[in-house]
Every structure is written in C-alpha cells, then in structure tokens.
Amino acid sequence: MNAIESIFPAAKNLLYGWYIKQNMLAHSKIEEVYTVDTDEDVSFIADWQSLVASRTEDDYNKEWNRFKRKYLHHTDFLTYLQDTWIDNHKEKFIRC
C-alpha cells in the first residue's frame, strides 16, 4: 500500500471511501435506518455522499450536523459512525 500511496496519493482515499461506504451501508441496514429499495434508500445514500463530498471544513461541519439531525432517531447508528469512522478516520475519506 505504501508504494501505491506514494505514486497515487488519492488511491488510499478512494479505497477508504469505498470500504467505509460498504461498511456504513451494512450497518445502516442492520439498524433499519431506511427501507431498502425505496426513495429513503436513495435519499440516505445521497445524504452520505453530500457529507463525503464536502469541499471545506465548514461544509463538512454543516453536512455532518444536517446528517445527524435527519437521522437523530437512529442513535446507535450515529454513535457507530461517530466512534468508528468520523472521529478516527474522516481525513481519509472526507474530501476537504
């Protein structure tokens, strides 16, 4: 991974982003955050993509707060995201 990282610095972020999204989607289904194959599904993925695509730290903070407000009734899921990915790895997959 280090050789790839030195030649293609964005490769690590792409891998992290894909892996984290798959992991996050698996947990969101377990926690029943949304109904699969519905408009809720599409909206949830779009909300996640908006967070990940944040261009500035200010945008990131706004998107993360919006995401938390929208899914506030899913506290276990939000705690999982915060503790597992946001607090420890956000710089590896959030664009800003």
N, C-alpha and C. Protein backbone atom coordinates (compact mmCIF):
# COMPACT_ATOMS: atom_id res chain seq x y z
N MET A 1 0.83 -1.20 0.00
CA MET A 1 0.00 0.00 0.00
C MET A 1 0.87 1.25 0.00
N ASN A 2 2.02 1.23 0.65
CA ASN A 2 2.86 2.43 0.72
C ASN A 2 3.36 2.86 -0.64
N ALA A 3 3.73 1.90 -1.52
CA ALA A 3 4.19 2.25 -2.86
C ALA A 3 3.06 2.89 -3.65
N ILE A 4 1.90 2.31 -3.57
CA ILE A 4 0.73 2.87 -4.28
C ILE A 4 0.44 4.27 -3.74
N GLU A 5 0.51 4.40 -2.42
CA GLU A 5 0.23 5.70 -1.79
C GLU A 5 1.21 6.77 -2.24
N SER A 6 2.48 6.42 -2.41
CA SER A 6 3.45 7.43 -2.82
C SER A 6 3.31 7.82 -4.28
N ILE A 7 2.89 6.88 -5.13
CA ILE A 7 2.71 7.17 -6.56
C ILE A 7 1.33 7.74 -6.85
N PHE A 8 0.33 7.16 -6.20
CA PHE A 8 -1.06 7.59 -6.38
C PHE A 8 -1.65 7.96 -5.02
N PRO A 9 -1.37 9.16 -4.52
CA PRO A 9 -1.82 9.53 -3.18
C PRO A 9 -3.33 9.44 -2.97
N ALA A 10 -4.12 9.64 -4.01
CA ALA A 10 -5.58 9.60 -3.88
C ALA A 10 -6.11 8.18 -3.80
N ALA A 11 -5.31 7.19 -4.19
CA ALA A 11 -5.77 5.80 -4.20
C ALA A 11 -6.22 5.35 -2.81
N LYS A 12 -5.48 5.73 -1.80
CA LYS A 12 -5.83 5.36 -0.43
C LYS A 12 -7.20 5.91 -0.07
N ASN A 13 -7.44 7.17 -0.41
CA ASN A 13 -8.72 7.79 -0.11
C ASN A 13 -9.86 7.10 -0.84
N LEU A 14 -9.62 6.71 -2.09
CA LEU A 14 -10.67 6.02 -2.84
C LEU A 14 -10.99 4.67 -2.21
N LEU A 15 -9.95 3.94 -1.83
CA LEU A 15 -10.15 2.64 -1.19
C LEU A 15 -10.87 2.82 0.14
N TYR A 16 -10.42 3.75 0.95
CA TYR A 16 -11.08 4.02 2.22
C TYR A 16 -12.54 4.39 2.00
N GLY A 17 -12.77 5.28 1.05
CA GLY A 17 -14.14 5.73 0.78
C GLY A 17 -15.05 4.59 0.40
N TRP A 18 -14.59 3.70 -0.47
CA TRP A 18 -15.41 2.56 -0.91
C TRP A 18 -15.66 1.63 0.26
N TYR A 19 -14.61 1.28 0.99
CA TYR A 19 -14.73 0.36 2.11
C TYR A 19 -15.66 0.91 3.19
N ILE A 20 -15.48 2.16 3.53
CA ILE A 20 -16.30 2.78 4.57
C ILE A 20 -17.76 2.84 4.14
N LYS A 21 -18.01 3.19 2.88
CA LYS A 21 -19.39 3.24 2.40
C LYS A 21 -20.04 1.87 2.51
N GLN A 22 -19.34 0.82 2.10
CA GLN A 22 -19.91 -0.53 2.18
C GLN A 22 -20.19 -0.91 3.63
N ASN A 23 -19.27 -0.60 4.51
CA ASN A 23 -19.43 -0.91 5.92
C ASN A 23 -20.58 -0.11 6.53
N MET A 24 -20.64 1.17 6.18
CA MET A 24 -21.70 2.04 6.68
C MET A 24 -23.08 1.56 6.19
N LEU A 25 -23.16 1.17 4.92
CA LEU A 25 -24.44 0.68 4.38
C LEU A 25 -24.87 -0.61 5.07
N ALA A 26 -23.93 -1.49 5.33
CA ALA A 26 -24.26 -2.73 6.04
C ALA A 26 -24.83 -2.43 7.42
N HIS A 27 -24.20 -1.53 8.14
CA HIS A 27 -24.69 -1.17 9.48
C HIS A 27 -26.03 -0.43 9.41
N SER A 28 -26.20 0.40 8.41
CA SER A 28 -27.47 1.13 8.31
C SER A 28 -28.64 0.18 8.05
N LYS A 29 -28.39 -0.90 7.31
CA LYS A 29 -29.44 -1.90 7.08
C LYS A 29 -29.75 -2.65 8.36
N ILE A 30 -28.73 -3.03 9.10
CA ILE A 30 -28.93 -3.73 10.37
C ILE A 30 -29.73 -2.86 11.33
N GLU A 31 -29.40 -1.58 11.37
CA GLU A 31 -30.07 -0.64 12.27
C GLU A 31 -31.41 -0.14 11.71
N GLU A 32 -31.75 -0.56 10.50
CA GLU A 32 -33.01 -0.16 9.84
C GLU A 32 -33.15 1.35 9.78
N VAL A 33 -32.09 2.01 9.33
CA VAL A 33 -32.09 3.46 9.21
C VAL A 33 -33.02 3.89 8.07
N TYR A 34 -33.15 3.07 7.06
CA TYR A 34 -34.02 3.35 5.92
C TYR A 34 -34.53 2.03 5.36
N THR A 35 -35.54 2.13 4.51
CA THR A 35 -36.11 0.95 3.86
C THR A 35 -35.38 0.74 2.54
N VAL A 36 -34.83 -0.45 2.36
CA VAL A 36 -34.06 -0.78 1.16
C VAL A 36 -34.95 -0.75 -0.07
N ASP A 37 -34.37 -0.30 -1.19
CA ASP A 37 -35.05 -0.23 -2.49
C ASP A 37 -36.26 0.69 -2.49
N THR A 38 -36.13 1.81 -1.80
CA THR A 38 -37.17 2.83 -1.78
C THR A 38 -36.51 4.19 -1.98
N ASP A 39 -37.33 5.23 -1.99
CA ASP A 39 -36.80 6.59 -2.06
C ASP A 39 -35.96 6.92 -0.83
N GLU A 40 -36.29 6.31 0.32
CA GLU A 40 -35.49 6.51 1.53
C GLU A 40 -34.06 6.04 1.30
N ASP A 41 -33.91 4.93 0.62
CA ASP A 41 -32.61 4.35 0.29
C ASP A 41 -31.80 5.35 -0.54
N VAL A 42 -32.40 5.86 -1.58
CA VAL A 42 -31.74 6.82 -2.47
C VAL A 42 -31.37 8.10 -1.70
N SER A 43 -32.28 8.58 -0.88
CA SER A 43 -32.05 9.79 -0.10
C SER A 43 -30.91 9.59 0.90
N PHE A 44 -30.90 8.45 1.56
CA PHE A 44 -29.86 8.16 2.54
C PHE A 44 -28.47 8.16 1.89
N ILE A 45 -28.35 7.48 0.76
CA ILE A 45 -27.07 7.43 0.06
C ILE A 45 -26.65 8.82 -0.42
N ALA A 46 -27.61 9.60 -0.89
CA ALA A 46 -27.31 10.98 -1.32
C ALA A 46 -26.84 11.82 -0.13
N ASP A 47 -27.46 11.63 1.03
CA ASP A 47 -27.04 12.37 2.23
C ASP A 47 -25.60 12.01 2.60
N TRP A 48 -25.28 10.72 2.53
CA TRP A 48 -23.92 10.28 2.83
C TRP A 48 -22.92 10.87 1.83
N GLN A 49 -23.28 10.82 0.56
CA GLN A 49 -22.39 11.35 -0.48
C GLN A 49 -22.17 12.85 -0.31
N SER A 50 -23.19 13.58 0.11
CA SER A 50 -23.03 15.02 0.36
C SER A 50 -22.04 15.27 1.49
N LEU A 51 -22.10 14.43 2.51
CA LEU A 51 -21.16 14.55 3.62
C LEU A 51 -19.73 14.28 3.14
N VAL A 52 -19.55 13.17 2.45
CA VAL A 52 -18.22 12.76 1.99
C VAL A 52 -17.64 13.76 0.99
N ALA A 53 -18.48 14.36 0.19
CA ALA A 53 -18.02 15.28 -0.85
C ALA A 53 -17.79 16.71 -0.35
N SER A 54 -17.90 16.93 0.94
CA SER A 54 -17.69 18.28 1.49
C SER A 54 -16.35 18.83 1.03
N ARG A 55 -16.38 20.05 0.50
CA ARG A 55 -15.17 20.67 -0.05
C ARG A 55 -14.37 21.47 0.97
N THR A 56 -15.05 21.93 2.00
CA THR A 56 -14.37 22.72 3.03
C THR A 56 -14.74 22.16 4.40
N GLU A 57 -13.97 22.53 5.39
CA GLU A 57 -14.27 22.08 6.75
C GLU A 57 -15.63 22.63 7.21
N ASP A 58 -15.94 23.86 6.82
CA ASP A 58 -17.23 24.45 7.16
C ASP A 58 -18.37 23.65 6.52
N ASP A 59 -18.21 23.30 5.24
CA ASP A 59 -19.22 22.48 4.57
C ASP A 59 -19.37 21.13 5.26
N TYR A 60 -18.25 20.53 5.62
CA TYR A 60 -18.28 19.24 6.32
C TYR A 60 -19.07 19.36 7.62
N ASN A 61 -18.79 20.38 8.42
CA ASN A 61 -19.49 20.56 9.69
C ASN A 61 -20.99 20.73 9.47
N LYS A 62 -21.37 21.51 8.46
CA LYS A 62 -22.79 21.71 8.16
C LYS A 62 -23.44 20.40 7.72
N GLU A 63 -22.76 19.67 6.84
CA GLU A 63 -23.31 18.40 6.35
C GLU A 63 -23.41 17.35 7.44
N TRP A 64 -22.41 17.25 8.29
CA TRP A 64 -22.44 16.28 9.38
C TRP A 64 -23.55 16.63 10.37
N ASN A 65 -23.72 17.90 10.69
CA ASN A 65 -24.81 18.30 11.58
C ASN A 65 -26.17 18.05 10.95
N ARG A 66 -26.29 18.31 9.65
CA ARG A 66 -27.55 18.03 8.94
C ARG A 66 -27.84 16.53 8.95
N PHE A 67 -26.84 15.72 8.68
CA PHE A 67 -26.98 14.26 8.68
C PHE A 67 -27.44 13.78 10.06
N LYS A 68 -26.81 14.29 11.11
CA LYS A 68 -27.17 13.89 12.48
C LYS A 68 -28.60 14.31 12.83
N ARG A 69 -29.00 15.49 12.39
CA ARG A 69 -30.38 15.94 12.66
C ARG A 69 -31.39 15.06 11.93
N LYS A 70 -31.09 14.74 10.67
CA LYS A 70 -32.03 13.96 9.87
C LYS A 70 -32.21 12.54 10.41
N TYR A 71 -31.13 11.97 10.93
CA TYR A 71 -31.18 10.58 11.41
C TYR A 71 -31.06 10.49 12.93
N LEU A 72 -31.52 11.52 13.62
CA LEU A 72 -31.35 11.60 15.06
C LEU A 72 -32.04 10.49 15.83
N HIS A 73 -33.04 9.85 15.26
CA HIS A 73 -33.73 8.76 15.94
C HIS A 73 -32.97 7.44 15.83
N HIS A 74 -31.87 7.46 15.14
CA HIS A 74 -31.04 6.26 14.97
C HIS A 74 -29.73 6.46 15.72
N THR A 75 -29.85 6.62 17.03
CA THR A 75 -28.70 6.98 17.85
C THR A 75 -27.59 5.93 17.81
N ASP A 76 -27.95 4.65 17.80
CA ASP A 76 -26.92 3.60 17.75
C ASP A 76 -26.11 3.70 16.46
N PHE A 77 -26.80 3.96 15.37
CA PHE A 77 -26.12 4.08 14.08
C PHE A 77 -25.22 5.32 14.06
N LEU A 78 -25.72 6.45 14.54
CA LEU A 78 -24.91 7.67 14.57
C LEU A 78 -23.70 7.51 15.49
N THR A 79 -23.89 6.83 16.60
CA THR A 79 -22.77 6.56 17.51
C THR A 79 -21.73 5.69 16.83
N TYR A 80 -22.19 4.67 16.11
CA TYR A 80 -21.28 3.81 15.35
C TYR A 80 -20.47 4.65 14.34
N LEU A 81 -21.15 5.49 13.55
CA LEU A 81 -20.45 6.33 12.57
C LEU A 81 -19.44 7.24 13.25
N GLN A 82 -19.88 7.90 14.30
CA GLN A 82 -19.01 8.85 15.01
C GLN A 82 -17.78 8.14 15.59
N ASP A 83 -18.02 7.05 16.31
CA ASP A 83 -16.92 6.38 17.01
C ASP A 83 -16.01 5.59 16.07
N THR A 84 -16.57 5.01 15.04
CA THR A 84 -15.79 4.14 14.16
C THR A 84 -15.11 4.89 13.03
N TRP A 85 -15.81 5.82 12.40
CA TRP A 85 -15.28 6.45 11.19
C TRP A 85 -15.01 7.94 11.33
N ILE A 86 -15.95 8.69 11.84
CA ILE A 86 -15.81 10.15 11.85
C ILE A 86 -14.68 10.60 12.77
N ASP A 87 -14.68 10.13 14.01
CA ASP A 87 -13.66 10.59 14.96
C ASP A 87 -12.25 10.14 14.58
N ASN A 88 -12.12 8.96 14.01
CA ASN A 88 -10.79 8.38 13.81
C ASN A 88 -10.27 8.41 12.38
N HIS A 89 -11.15 8.56 11.39
CA HIS A 89 -10.70 8.39 10.01
C HIS A 89 -11.24 9.41 9.01
N LYS A 90 -11.92 10.43 9.45
CA LYS A 90 -12.58 11.33 8.50
C LYS A 90 -11.60 11.94 7.50
N GLU A 91 -10.37 12.20 7.91
CA GLU A 91 -9.39 12.81 6.99
C GLU A 91 -9.01 11.86 5.86
N LYS A 92 -9.35 10.60 5.98
CA LYS A 92 -9.00 9.62 4.95
C LYS A 92 -10.10 9.45 3.89
N PHE A 93 -11.31 9.95 4.17
CA PHE A 93 -12.36 9.76 3.18
C PHE A 93 -13.24 10.98 2.94
N ILE A 94 -13.19 11.98 3.81
CA ILE A 94 -13.92 13.23 3.57
C ILE A 94 -13.03 14.09 2.67
N ARG A 95 -13.59 14.66 1.61
CA ARG A 95 -12.79 15.33 0.59
C ARG A 95 -12.03 16.57 1.09
N CYS A 96 -12.60 17.32 2.02
CA CYS A 96 -11.95 18.58 2.44
C CYS A 96 -10.66 18.39 3.17
